[in-house]
PDB file of N, CA and C in Angstrom:
ATOM      1  N   MET A   1       9.270  10.164  36.047  1.00  0.00           N
ATOM      2  CA  MET A   1       8.342   9.536  36.180  1.00  0.00           C
ATOM      3  C   MET A   1       7.449   9.670  35.323  1.00  0.00           C
ATOM      4  N   THR A   2       6.476   8.763  34.687  1.00  0.00           N
ATOM      5  CA  THR A   2       5.122   8.538  33.343  1.00  0.00           C
ATOM      6  C   THR A   2       4.134   8.727  34.357  1.00  0.00           C
ATOM      7  N   ALA A   3       3.168   9.314  33.730  1.00  0.00           N
ATOM      8  CA  ALA A   3       2.314   9.121  34.053  1.00  0.00           C
ATOM      9  C   ALA A   3       1.490   8.223  33.577  1.00  0.00           C
ATOM     10  N   GLN A   4       0.115   7.278  34.404  1.00  0.00           N
ATOM     11  CA  GLN A   4      -0.023   6.049  34.164  1.00  0.00           C
ATOM     12  C   GLN A   4      -1.605   6.456  34.008  1.00  0.00           C
ATOM     13  N   ASN A   5      -2.287   7.394  33.342  1.00  0.00           N
ATOM     14  CA  ASN A   5      -3.384   7.274  32.234  1.00  0.00           C
ATOM     15  C   ASN A   5      -3.164   7.687  31.098  1.00  0.00           C
ATOM     16  N   ALA A   6      -4.564   7.309  30.239  1.00  0.00           N
ATOM     17  CA  ALA A   6      -3.874   7.528  28.961  1.00  0.00           C
ATOM     18  C   ALA A   6      -3.676   8.477  28.446  1.00  0.00           C
ATOM     19  N   LEU A   7      -3.952   9.829  28.566  1.00  0.00           N
ATOM     20  CA  LEU A   7      -3.352  10.966  28.423  1.00  0.00           C
ATOM     21  C   LEU A   7      -1.794  10.794  28.883  1.00  0.00           C
ATOM     22  N   GLY A   8      -1.074  10.426  30.062  1.00  0.00           N
ATOM     23  CA  GLY A   8       0.071   9.908  30.370  1.00  0.00           C
ATOM     24  C   GLY A   8       0.831   9.608  29.546  1.00  0.00           C
ATOM     25  N   LYS A   9       0.171   8.428  29.193  1.00  0.00           N
ATOM     26  CA  LYS A   9       0.531   7.126  27.977  1.00  0.00           C
ATOM     27  C   LYS A   9       0.828   7.927  26.442  1.00  0.00           C
ATOM     28  N   ALA A  10      -0.013   8.714  26.341  1.00  0.00           N
ATOM     29  CA  ALA A  10       0.203   9.145  24.595  1.00  0.00           C
ATOM     30  C   ALA A  10       1.063  10.223  25.050  1.00  0.00           C
ATOM     31  N   ILE A  11       1.112  11.002  26.039  1.00  0.00           N
ATOM     32  CA  ILE A  11       2.341  12.449  26.215  1.00  0.00           C
ATOM     33  C   ILE A  11       3.744  11.532  25.758  1.00  0.00           C
ATOM     34  N   SER A  12       3.865  10.518  26.665  1.00  0.00           N
ATOM     35  CA  SER A  12       5.245   9.652  26.756  1.00  0.00           C
ATOM     36  C   SER A  12       5.259   9.459  25.054  1.00  0.00           C
ATOM     37  N   TYR A  13       4.328   8.538  24.558  1.00  0.00           N
ATOM     38  CA  TYR A  13       4.823   7.564  22.996  1.00  0.00           C
ATOM     39  C   TYR A  13       5.182   8.975  22.146  1.00  0.00           C
ATOM     40  N   LEU A  14       4.323  10.353  22.687  1.00  0.00           N
ATOM     41  CA  LEU A  14       4.450  10.961  21.305  1.00  0.00           C
ATOM     42  C   LEU A  14       6.063  11.989  21.846  1.00  0.00           C
ATOM     43  N   ALA A  15       6.434  12.182  22.826  1.00  0.00           N
ATOM     44  CA  ALA A  15       8.061  12.234  23.464  1.00  0.00           C
ATOM     45  C   ALA A  15       8.729  11.325  23.009  1.00  0.00           C
ATOM     46  N   SER A  16       8.706  10.299  23.181  1.00  0.00           N
ATOM     47  CA  SER A  16       9.596   8.959  22.580  1.00  0.00           C
ATOM     48  C   SER A  16       9.533   9.040  20.943  1.00  0.00           C
ATOM     49  N   ASN A  17       8.683   9.279  20.187  1.00  0.00           N
ATOM     50  CA  ASN A  17       8.473   9.382  18.924  1.00  0.00           C
ATOM     51  C   ASN A  17       8.427  10.673  18.025  1.00  0.00           C
ATOM     52  N   TRP A  18       9.084  11.498  18.795  1.00  0.00           N
ATOM     53  CA  TRP A  18       8.868  13.027  18.698  1.00  0.00           C
ATOM     54  C   TRP A  18      10.080  12.887  17.030  1.00  0.00           C
ATOM     55  N   ILE A  19      11.343  12.973  17.035  1.00  0.00           N
ATOM     56  CA  ILE A  19      12.180  12.798  16.115  1.00  0.00           C
ATOM     57  C   ILE A  19      11.644  12.014  14.571  1.00  0.00           C
ATOM     58  N   LYS A  20      10.984  11.066  14.788  1.00  0.00           N
ATOM     59  CA  LYS A  20       9.970  10.392  13.636  1.00  0.00           C
ATOM     60  C   LYS A  20       8.943  11.452  13.237  1.00  0.00           C
ATOM     61  N   LEU A  21       8.467  11.706  14.142  1.00  0.00           N
ATOM     62  CA  LEU A  21       7.289  12.579  13.701  1.00  0.00           C
ATOM     63  C   LEU A  21       7.406  14.077  13.017  1.00  0.00           C
ATOM     64  N   VAL A  22       9.082  14.711  13.578  1.00  0.00           N
ATOM     65  CA  VAL A  22       9.083  15.985  13.053  1.00  0.00           C
ATOM     66  C   VAL A  22       9.964  15.264  11.567  1.00  0.00           C
ATOM     67  N   ARG A  23      10.231  14.202  11.679  1.00  0.00           N
ATOM     68  CA  ARG A  23      11.058  13.664  10.322  1.00  0.00           C
ATOM     69  C   ARG A  23       9.675  14.178   8.873  1.00  0.00           C
ATOM     70  N   ASN A  24       8.868  13.855   9.004  1.00  0.00           N
ATOM     71  CA  ASN A  24       8.126  13.608   7.959  1.00  0.00           C
ATOM     72  C   ASN A  24       7.241  14.577   7.390  1.00  0.00           C
ATOM     73  N   THR A  25       6.921  16.220   8.908  1.00  0.00           N
ATOM     74  CA  THR A  25       7.413  17.227   8.348  1.00  0.00           C
ATOM     75  C   THR A  25       8.509  18.037   7.534  1.00  0.00           C
ATOM     76  N   GLU A  26       9.711  17.671   7.953  1.00  0.00           N
ATOM     77  CA  GLU A  26      10.948  18.319   7.439  1.00  0.00           C
ATOM     78  C   GLU A  26      11.510  17.845   5.859  1.00  0.00           C
ATOM     79  N   ALA A  27      10.460  16.228   5.677  1.00  0.00           N
ATOM     80  CA  ALA A  27      10.598  15.858   4.590  1.00  0.00           C
ATOM     81  C   ALA A  27       8.962  15.609   3.847  1.00  0.00           C
ATOM     82  N   GLY A  28       8.284  16.204   3.161  1.00  0.00           N
ATOM     83  CA  GLY A  28       7.277  16.272   3.078  1.00  0.00           C
ATOM     84  C   GLY A  28       6.498  15.106   1.731  1.00  0.00           C
ATOM     85  N   TYR A  29       7.725  14.875   1.068  1.00  0.00           N
ATOM     86  CA  TYR A  29       7.563  13.549  -0.005  1.00  0.00           C
ATOM     87  C   TYR A  29       7.186  12.445   1.086  1.00  0.00           C
ATOM     88  N   LEU A  30       7.619  12.239   1.779  1.00  0.00           N
ATOM     89  CA  LEU A  30       7.521  10.750   2.820  1.00  0.00           C
ATOM     90  C   LEU A  30       6.098  10.643   2.934  1.00  0.00           C
ATOM     91  N   PRO A  31       5.870   9.341   2.647  1.00  0.00           N
ATOM     92  CA  PRO A  31       4.285   8.969   3.277  1.00  0.00           C
ATOM     93  C   PRO A  31       4.592   9.229   4.706  1.00  0.00           C
ATOM     94  N   ILE A  32       3.404   9.118   5.486  1.00  0.00           N
ATOM     95  CA  ILE A  32       2.957   8.985   6.754  1.00  0.00           C
ATOM     96  C   ILE A  32       3.130   7.591   7.229  1.00  0.00           C
ATOM     97  N   ASP A  33       2.348   6.798   5.922  1.00  0.00           N
ATOM     98  CA  ASP A  33       1.941   5.582   6.699  1.00  0.00           C
ATOM     99  C   ASP A  33       2.249   4.677   5.795  1.00  0.00           C
ATOM    100  N   ASN A  34       2.278   3.378   5.491  1.00  0.00           N
ATOM    101  CA  ASN A  34       2.610   2.473   4.492  1.00  0.00           C
ATOM    102  C   ASN A  34       1.203   1.537   4.098  1.00  0.00           C
ATOM    103  N   ASN A  35       0.161   2.223   3.945  1.00  0.00           N
ATOM    104  CA  ASN A  35      -1.050   1.733   3.227  1.00  0.00           C
ATOM    105  C   ASN A  35      -0.901   1.354   1.919  1.00  0.00           C
ATOM    106  N   ALA A  36      -0.110   2.095   1.286  1.00  0.00           N
ATOM    107  CA  ALA A  36      -0.100   1.816  -0.455  1.00  0.00           C
ATOM    108  C   ALA A  36       1.138   0.152   0.044  1.00  0.00           C
ATOM    109  N   ALA A  37       1.737  -0.329   0.607  1.00  0.00           N
ATOM    110  CA  ALA A  37       2.339  -1.019   0.670  1.00  0.00           C
ATOM    111  C   ALA A  37       1.757  -2.375   0.646  1.00  0.00           C
ATOM    112  N   GLU A  38       0.804  -2.010   2.148  1.00  0.00           N
ATOM    113  CA  GLU A  38      -0.169  -2.872   2.388  1.00  0.00           C
ATOM    114  C   GLU A  38      -1.435  -3.733   1.744  1.00  0.00           C
ATOM    115  N   ARG A  39      -1.860  -2.648   0.628  1.00  0.00           N
ATOM    116  CA  ARG A  39      -2.625  -2.535  -0.058  1.00  0.00           C
ATOM    117  C   ARG A  39      -2.346  -3.557  -1.458  1.00  0.00           C
ATOM    118  N   ALA A  40      -0.954  -3.455  -1.669  1.00  0.00           N
ATOM    119  CA  ALA A  40      -0.365  -4.180  -2.496  1.00  0.00           C
ATOM    120  C   ALA A  40      -0.158  -5.849  -2.012  1.00  0.00           C
ATOM    121  N   ILE A  41      -0.040  -6.065  -0.958  1.00  0.00           N
ATOM    122  CA  ILE A  41       0.239  -7.084  -0.939  1.00  0.00           C
ATOM    123  C   ILE A  41      -1.036  -8.123  -0.238  1.00  0.00           C
ATOM    124  N   ARG A  42      -1.872  -7.715  -0.205  1.00  0.00           N
ATOM    125  CA  ARG A  42      -3.103  -7.864   0.563  1.00  0.00           C
ATOM    126  C   ARG A  42      -3.983  -9.235  -0.342  1.00  0.00           C
ATOM    127  N   PRO A  43      -3.731  -8.730  -1.643  1.00  0.00           N
ATOM    128  CA  PRO A  43      -4.125 -10.028  -2.221  1.00  0.00           C
ATOM    129  C   PRO A  43      -3.188 -11.608  -2.238  1.00  0.00           C
ATOM    130  N   PHE A  44      -1.797 -11.458  -1.994  1.00  0.00           N
ATOM    131  CA  PHE A  44      -1.195 -12.317  -1.453  1.00  0.00           C
ATOM    132  C   PHE A  44      -1.185 -12.760  -0.029  1.00  0.00           C
ATOM    133  N   VAL A  45      -1.448 -12.018   0.869  1.00  0.00           N
ATOM    134  CA  VAL A  45      -1.494 -12.579   2.070  1.00  0.00           C
ATOM    135  C   VAL A  45      -3.125 -13.033   2.508  1.00  0.00           C
ATOM    136  N   ILE A  46      -3.948 -12.745   1.554  1.00  0.00           N
ATOM    137  CA  ILE A  46      -5.027 -13.627   1.851  1.00  0.00           C
ATOM    138  C   ILE A  46      -5.480 -15.004   0.639  1.00  0.00           C
ATOM    139  N   GLY A  47      -4.701 -14.715  -0.343  1.00  0.00           N
ATOM    140  CA  GLY A  47      -4.545 -16.019  -1.089  1.00  0.00           C
ATOM    141  C   GLY A  47      -3.702 -17.221  -0.776  1.00  0.00           C
ATOM    142  N   ARG A  48      -2.510 -16.749   0.493  1.00  0.00           N
ATOM    143  CA  ARG A  48      -1.554 -17.737   0.613  1.00  0.00           C
ATOM    144  C   ARG A  48      -1.985 -18.920   0.894  1.00  0.00           C
ATOM    145  N   LYS A  49      -2.854 -19.124   1.764  1.00  0.00           N
ATOM    146  CA  LYS A  49      -3.412 -20.590   2.572  1.00  0.00           C
ATOM    147  C   LYS A  49      -3.778 -21.321   1.127  1.00  0.00           C
ATOM    148  N   ASN A  50      -4.216 -20.518  -0.131  1.00  0.00           N
ATOM    149  CA  ASN A  50      -4.612 -21.631  -0.871  1.00  0.00           C
ATOM    150  C   ASN A  50      -3.585 -22.314  -1.746  1.00  0.00           C
ATOM    151  N   TRP A  51      -2.732 -21.568  -1.756  1.00  0.00           N
ATOM    152  CA  TRP A  51      -1.458 -21.373  -3.163  1.00  0.00           C
ATOM    153  C   TRP A  51      -0.391 -22.796  -2.260  1.00  0.00           C
ATOM    154  N   LEU A  52      -0.077 -23.489  -3.423  1.00  0.00           N
ATOM    155  CA  LEU A  52       0.829 -24.202  -3.274  1.00  0.00           C
ATOM    156  C   LEU A  52       2.215 -24.237  -2.662  1.00  0.00           C
ATOM    157  N   PHE A  53       2.851 -24.739  -1.973  1.00  0.00           N
ATOM    158  CA  PHE A  53       4.113 -23.829  -1.457  1.00  0.00           C
ATOM    159  C   PHE A  53       4.026 -23.006  -0.206  1.00  0.00           C
ATOM    160  N   SER A  54       3.236 -22.095  -0.074  1.00  0.00           N
ATOM    161  CA  SER A  54       3.253 -21.155   0.351  1.00  0.00           C
ATOM    162  C   SER A  54       2.739 -21.129   1.826  1.00  0.00           C
ATOM    163  N   ASP A  55       2.699 -22.751   1.835  1.00  0.00           N
ATOM    164  CA  ASP A  55       1.993 -22.997   3.676  1.00  0.00           C
ATOM    165  C   ASP A  55       3.356 -22.996   4.606  1.00  0.00           C
ATOM    166  N   THR A  56       4.637 -22.790   4.197  1.00  0.00           N
ATOM    167  CA  THR A  56       5.411 -23.231   4.978  1.00  0.00           C
ATOM    168  C   THR A  56       6.495 -22.243   4.719  1.00  0.00           C
ATOM    169  N   PRO A  57       7.344 -21.369   5.628  1.00  0.00           N
ATOM    170  CA  PRO A  57       8.442 -20.298   5.876  1.00  0.00           C
ATOM    171  C   PRO A  57       9.163 -20.402   4.148  1.00  0.00           C
ATOM    172  N   LYS A  58       9.977 -22.000   4.103  1.00  0.00           N
ATOM    173  CA  LYS A  58      10.740 -22.291   2.910  1.00  0.00           C
ATOM    174  C   LYS A  58       9.525 -21.764   1.595  1.00  0.00           C
ATOM    175  N   GLY A  59       8.467 -22.621   1.729  1.00  0.00           N
ATOM    176  CA  GLY A  59       7.621 -22.077   0.349  1.00  0.00           C
ATOM    177  C   GLY A  59       7.582 -20.522  -0.090  1.00  0.00           C
ATOM    178  N   ALA A  60       6.711 -19.797   1.128  1.00  0.00           N
ATOM    179  CA  ALA A  60       6.544 -17.914   0.925  1.00  0.00           C
ATOM    180  C   ALA A  60       8.174 -17.570   0.945  1.00  0.00           C
ATOM    181  N   MET A  61       9.184 -17.902   1.511  1.00  0.00           N
ATOM    182  CA  MET A  61      10.148 -17.472   1.065  1.00  0.00           C
ATOM    183  C   MET A  61      10.959 -17.474  -0.119  1.00  0.00           C
ATOM    184  N   ALA A  62      10.096 -18.862  -1.062  1.00  0.00           N
ATOM    185  CA  ALA A  62      10.762 -19.065  -2.719  1.00  0.00           C
ATOM    186  C   ALA A  62       9.476 -18.339  -3.139  1.00  0.00           C
ATOM    187  N   SER A  63       8.757 -17.832  -3.422  1.00  0.00           N
ATOM    188  CA  SER A  63       7.421 -17.037  -3.785  1.00  0.00           C
ATOM    189  C   SER A  63       7.725 -15.879  -3.313  1.00  0.00           C
ATOM    190  N   ASP A  64       8.049 -14.862  -2.438  1.00  0.00           N
ATOM    191  CA  ASP A  64       8.262 -13.707  -2.450  1.00  0.00           C
ATOM    192  C   ASP A  64       9.129 -13.030  -3.420  1.00  0.00           C
ATOM    193  N   PRO A  65      10.229 -13.512  -3.667  1.00  0.00           N
ATOM    194  CA  PRO A  65      10.525 -12.708  -4.864  1.00  0.00           C
ATOM    195  C   PRO A  65       9.762 -12.472  -6.458  1.00  0.00           C
ATOM    196  N   LEU A  66       8.837 -13.450  -6.813  1.00  0.00           N
ATOM    197  CA  LEU A  66       7.961 -13.468  -7.600  1.00  0.00           C
ATOM    198  C   LEU A  66       7.080 -12.326  -7.245  1.00  0.00           C
ATOM    199  N   TYR A  67       6.490 -12.432  -6.124  1.00  0.00           N
ATOM    200  CA  TYR A  67       5.714 -11.564  -5.952  1.00  0.00           C
ATOM    201  C   TYR A  67       6.123  -9.839  -5.526  1.00  0.00           C
ATOM    202  N   SER A  68       7.716  -9.808  -5.659  1.00  0.00           N
ATOM    203  CA  SER A  68       8.299  -8.620  -5.254  1.00  0.00           C
ATOM    204  C   SER A  68       8.529  -8.289  -6.560  1.00  0.00           C
ATOM    205  N   LEU A  69       8.335  -8.830  -7.889  1.00  0.00           N
ATOM    206  CA  LEU A  69       8.856  -8.477  -9.443  1.00  0.00           C
ATOM    207  C   LEU A  69       7.454  -7.984  -9.523  1.00  0.00           C
ATOM    208  N   VAL A  70       6.584  -8.772  -9.069  1.00  0.00           N
ATOM    209  CA  VAL A  70       4.730  -8.450  -9.827  1.00  0.00           C
ATOM    210  C   VAL A  70       4.650  -7.042  -9.119  1.00  0.00           C
ATOM    211  N   GLU A  71       4.616  -6.873  -8.376  1.00  0.00           N
ATOM    212  CA  GLU A  71       4.317  -5.644  -7.421  1.00  0.00           C
ATOM    213  C   GLU A  71       5.145  -4.424  -8.152  1.00  0.00           C
ATOM    214  N   THR A  72       6.152  -4.992  -7.850  1.00  0.00           N
ATOM    215  CA  THR A  72       6.808  -3.826  -8.573  1.00  0.00           C
ATOM    216  C   THR A  72       6.746  -3.285  -9.977  1.00  0.00           C
ATOM    217  N   ALA A  73       6.391  -4.401 -10.834  1.00  0.00           N
ATOM    218  CA  ALA A  73       5.746  -3.801 -12.329  1.00  0.00           C
ATOM    219  C   ALA A  73       4.674  -3.249 -11.987  1.00  0.00           C
ATOM    220  N   LYS A  74       3.562  -3.342 -11.436  1.00  0.00           N
ATOM    221  CA  LYS A  74       2.383  -2.589 -11.060  1.00  0.00           C
ATOM    222  C   LYS A  74       2.490  -1.258 -10.761  1.00  0.00           C
ATOM    223  N   ALA A  75       3.133  -1.249  -9.563  1.00  0.00           N
ATOM    224  CA  ALA A  75       3.928   0.001  -9.377  1.00  0.00           C
ATOM    225  C   ALA A  75       4.424   1.109 -10.381  1.00  0.00           C
ATOM    226  N   ASN A  76       5.282   0.670 -11.106  1.00  0.00           N
ATOM    227  CA  ASN A  76       5.698   0.998 -12.537  1.00  0.00           C
ATOM    228  C   ASN A  76       4.650   1.331 -13.602  1.00  0.00           C
ATOM    229  N   GLY A  77       3.635   1.244 -13.124  1.00  0.00           N
ATOM    230  CA  GLY A  77       2.446   1.021 -14.839  1.00  0.00           C
ATOM    231  C   GLY A  77       2.501  -0.140 -16.069  1.00  0.00           C
ATOM    232  N   GLN A  78       3.179  -1.130 -15.458  1.00  0.00           N
ATOM    233  CA  GLN A  78       3.592  -2.508 -16.118  1.00  0.00           C
ATOM    234  C   GLN A  78       2.538  -3.582 -16.413  1.00  0.00           C
ATOM    235  N   GLU A  79       1.815  -3.777 -16.811  1.00  0.00           N
ATOM    236  CA  GLU A  79       1.365  -5.480 -16.821  1.00  0.00           C
ATOM    237  C   GLU A  79       2.294  -6.328 -16.455  1.00  0.00           C
ATOM    238  N   PRO A  80       1.814  -7.323 -15.339  1.00  0.00           N
ATOM    239  CA  PRO A  80       3.123  -7.624 -14.739  1.00  0.00           C
ATOM    240  C   PRO A  80       3.355  -9.430 -16.131  1.00  0.00           C
ATOM    241  N   TYR A  81       2.521 -10.051 -16.053  1.00  0.00           N
ATOM    242  CA  TYR A  81       2.926 -10.392 -16.920  1.00  0.00           C
ATOM    243  C   TYR A  81       3.765 -10.384 -18.572  1.00  0.00           C
ATOM    244  N   ALA A  82       3.014  -9.079 -19.212  1.00  0.00           N
ATOM    245  CA  ALA A  82       3.708  -8.713 -20.047  1.00  0.00           C
ATOM    246  C   ALA A  82       5.190  -8.514 -20.289  1.00  0.00           C
ATOM    247  N   TRP A  83       5.466  -7.433 -18.816  1.00  0.00           N
ATOM    248  CA  TRP A  83       6.753  -7.491 -18.312  1.00  0.00           C
ATOM    249  C   TRP A  83       7.963  -8.144 -17.785  1.00  0.00           C
ATOM    250  N   LEU A  84       6.954  -9.811 -17.404  1.00  0.00           N
ATOM    251  CA  LEU A  84       8.067 -10.629 -16.857  1.00  0.00           C
ATOM    252  C   LEU A  84       8.618 -10.969 -18.143  1.00  0.00           C
ATOM    253  N   ARG A  85       7.580 -11.566 -19.006  1.00  0.00           N
ATOM    254  CA  ARG A  85       7.592 -12.178 -20.172  1.00  0.00           C
ATOM    255  C   ARG A  85       8.604 -11.558 -20.613  1.00  0.00           C
ATOM    256  N   HIS A  86       8.554  -9.989 -20.992  1.00  0.00           N
ATOM    257  CA  HIS A  86       9.671  -9.502 -21.639  1.00  0.00           C
ATOM    258  C   HIS A  86      10.848  -9.244 -21.382  1.00  0.00           C
ATOM    259  N   ALA A  87      10.806  -9.321 -19.601  1.00  0.00           N
ATOM    260  CA  ALA A  87      12.186  -8.805 -19.192  1.00  0.00           C
ATOM    261  C   ALA A  87      13.035 -10.627 -19.389  1.00  0.00           C
ATOM    262  N   LEU A  88      12.034 -12.088 -19.016  1.00  0.00           N
ATOM    263  CA  LEU A  88      12.736 -13.225 -19.077  1.00  0.00           C
ATOM    264  C   LEU A  88      13.150 -13.669 -20.122  1.00  0.00           C
ATOM    265  N   GLU A  89      12.754 -12.774 -21.321  1.00  0.00           N
ATOM    266  CA  GLU A  89      12.712 -13.415 -22.624  1.00  0.00           C
ATOM    267  C   GLU A  89      14.519 -12.680 -23.127  1.00  0.00           C
ATOM    268  N   ARG A  90      14.513 -11.301 -22.624  1.00  0.00           N
ATOM    269  CA  ARG A  90      15.677 -10.724 -22.773  1.00  0.00           C
ATOM    270  C   ARG A  90      16.912 -10.779 -21.946  1.00  0.00           C
ATOM    271  N   LEU A  91      17.140 -11.502 -20.905  1.00  0.00           N
ATOM    272  CA  LEU A  91      17.533 -11.243 -19.732  1.00  0.00           C
ATOM    273  C   LEU A  91      18.559 -12.247 -20.080  1.00  0.00           C
ATOM    274  N   PRO A  92      18.797 -13.683 -20.888  1.00  0.00           N
ATOM    275  CA  PRO A  92      19.839 -14.170 -21.233  1.00  0.00           C
ATOM    276  C   PRO A  92      20.938 -13.751 -21.877  1.00  0.00           C
ATOM    277  N   GLN A  93      20.599 -12.531 -22.767  1.00  0.00           N
ATOM    278  CA  GLN A  93      21.523 -11.888 -23.754  1.00  0.00           C
ATOM    279  C   GLN A  93      22.116 -10.484 -23.260  1.00  0.00           C
ATOM    280  N   ALA A  94      21.351 -10.286 -22.078  1.00  0.00           N
ATOM    281  CA  ALA A  94      21.304  -9.103 -21.106  1.00  0.00           C
ATOM    282  C   ALA A  94      23.773  -9.282 -20.882  1.00  0.00           C
ATOM    283  N   THR A  95      24.289  -8.733 -20.707  1.00  0.00           N
ATOM    284  CA  THR A  95      25.685  -8.234 -20.664  1.00  0.00           C
ATOM    285  C   THR A  95      26.296  -7.194 -20.130  1.00  0.00           C
ATOM    286  N   SER A  96      25.760  -6.262 -19.639  1.00  0.00           N
ATOM    287  CA  SER A  96      26.644  -5.147 -19.497  1.00  0.00           C
ATOM    288  C   SER A  96      24.980  -4.626 -17.940  1.00  0.00           C
ATOM    289  N   VAL A  97      25.766  -3.658 -17.097  1.00  0.00           N
ATOM    290  CA  VAL A  97      25.386  -3.501 -16.114  1.00  0.00           C
ATOM    291  C   VAL A  97      23.836  -2.442 -16.872  1.00  0.00           C
ATOM    292  N   GLU A  98      23.815  -2.192 -18.258  1.00  0.00           N
ATOM    293  CA  GLU A  98      23.268  -1.039 -19.327  1.00  0.00           C
ATOM    294  C   GLU A  98      22.070  -1.875 -19.670  1.00  0.00           C
ATOM    295  N   ASP A  99      22.352  -3.084 -20.437  1.00  0.00           N
ATOM    296  CA  ASP A  99      21.573  -4.230 -20.534  1.00  0.00           C
ATOM    297  C   ASP A  99      20.546  -4.541 -19.305  1.00  0.00           C
ATOM    298  N   TYR A 100      21.146  -4.763 -18.076  1.00  0.00           N
ATOM    299  CA  TYR A 100      19.835  -5.018 -17.082  1.00  0.00           C
ATOM    300  C   TYR A 100      19.244  -4.247 -16.622  1.00  0.00           C
ATOM    301  N   GLU A 101      20.060  -2.752 -16.610  1.00  0.00           N
ATOM    302  CA  GLU A 101      19.121  -2.091 -16.042  1.00  0.00           C
ATOM    303  C   GLU A 101      17.830  -1.339 -17.416  1.00  0.00           C
ATOM    304  N   ALA A 102      17.887  -1.689 -18.420  1.00  0.00           N
ATOM    305  CA  ALA A 102      17.214  -1.829 -19.302  1.00  0.00           C
ATOM    306  C   ALA A 102      16.223  -2.810 -19.213  1.00  0.00           C
ATOM    307  N   LEU A 103      15.795  -3.763 -18.428  1.00  0.00           N
ATOM    308  CA  LEU A 103      15.040  -4.373 -17.854  1.00  0.00           C
ATOM    309  C   LEU A 103      14.180  -4.438 -17.130  1.00  0.00           C
ATOM    310  N   LEU A 104      14.543  -2.963 -16.479  1.00  0.00           N
ATOM    311  CA  LEU A 104      14.025  -2.847 -14.833  1.00  0.00           C
ATOM    312  C   LEU A 104      12.187  -2.438 -15.447  1.00  0.00           C
ATOM    313  N   PRO A 105      11.763  -2.638 -14.766  1.00  0.00           N
ATOM    314  CA  PRO A 105      10.368  -1.997 -15.149  1.00  0.00           C
ATOM    315  C   PRO A 105      10.087  -0.885 -15.053  1.00  0.00           C
ATOM    316  N   TRP A 106      10.945   0.442 -14.666  1.00  0.00           N
ATOM    317  CA  TRP A 106      10.800   1.700 -14.892  1.00  0.00           C
ATOM    318  C   TRP A 106      11.826   2.345 -15.996  1.00  0.00           C
ATOM    319  N   ASN A 107      12.269   1.201 -16.713  1.00  0.00           N
ATOM    320  CA  ASN A 107      12.897   1.459 -18.137  1.00  0.00           C
ATOM    321  C   ASN A 107      12.332   0.887 -19.268  1.00  0.00           C
ATOM    322  N   CYS A 108      11.202   0.310 -19.240  1.00  0.00           N
ATOM    323  CA  CYS A 108      10.527  -0.695 -20.025  1.00  0.00           C
ATOM    324  C   CYS A 108       9.529   0.373 -20.735  1.00  0.00           C
ATOM    325  N   SER A 109       9.441   0.688 -21.784  1.00  0.00           N
ATOM    326  CA  SER A 109       8.740   1.284 -22.121  1.00  0.00           C
ATOM    327  C   SER A 109       7.547   0.178 -23.308  1.00  0.00           C
ATOM    328  N   LEU A 110       6.819  -1.017 -22.878  1.00  0.00           N
ATOM    329  CA  LEU A 110       5.501  -2.069 -23.182  1.00  0.00           C
ATOM    330  C   LEU A 110       4.453  -1.327 -24.197  1.00  0.00           C
ATOM    331  N   ALA A 111       4.682  -1.707 -25.536  1.00  0.00           N
ATOM    332  CA  ALA A 111       3.635  -1.175 -25.751  1.00  0.00           C
ATOM    333  C   ALA A 111       2.077  -2.036 -24.632  1.00  0.00           C
ATOM    334  N   SER A 112       1.107  -1.233 -24.740  1.00  0.00           N
ATOM    335  CA  SER A 112       0.169  -1.269 -23.581  1.00  0.00           C
ATOM    336  C   SER A 112      -0.642  -2.567 -24.634  1.00  0.00           C
ATOM    337  N   PRO A 113      -1.258  -3.748 -23.717  1.00  0.00           N
ATOM    338  CA  PRO A 113      -2.641  -4.740 -24.410  1.00  0.00           C
ATOM    339  C   PRO A 113      -3.194  -3.810 -25.146  1.00  0.00           C
ATOM    340  N   ARG A 114      -4.390  -4.413 -26.023  1.00  0.00           N
ATOM    341  CA  ARG A 114      -5.078  -4.081 -26.863  1.00  0.00           C
ATOM    342  C   ARG A 114      -6.565  -4.910 -26.145  1.00  0.00           C
TER     343      ARG A 114
END
């Protein structure tokens, strides 16, 4: 039996999500929300109606990898254009796992733009 008032609904919600809520206290490094990810994609969500090819599901799927690369570069302290240019110029010469890993934004140390 569940209560139909607001307090009863809140307690039912708490009980059904208890394991998820406790997990955050067990692993304190886990963020309690995804606000950082939401903020990162906000410019794309706001602008997508104005961008070529993003007005269809196929267009959005085609642009997703590029957006992911740009945001990954930003999250790792890289200027997206500089990092993409660096990685794409060196990608054809990569032949080993180590070569590819060296191109990842968290492994690159590009000179900061002046």
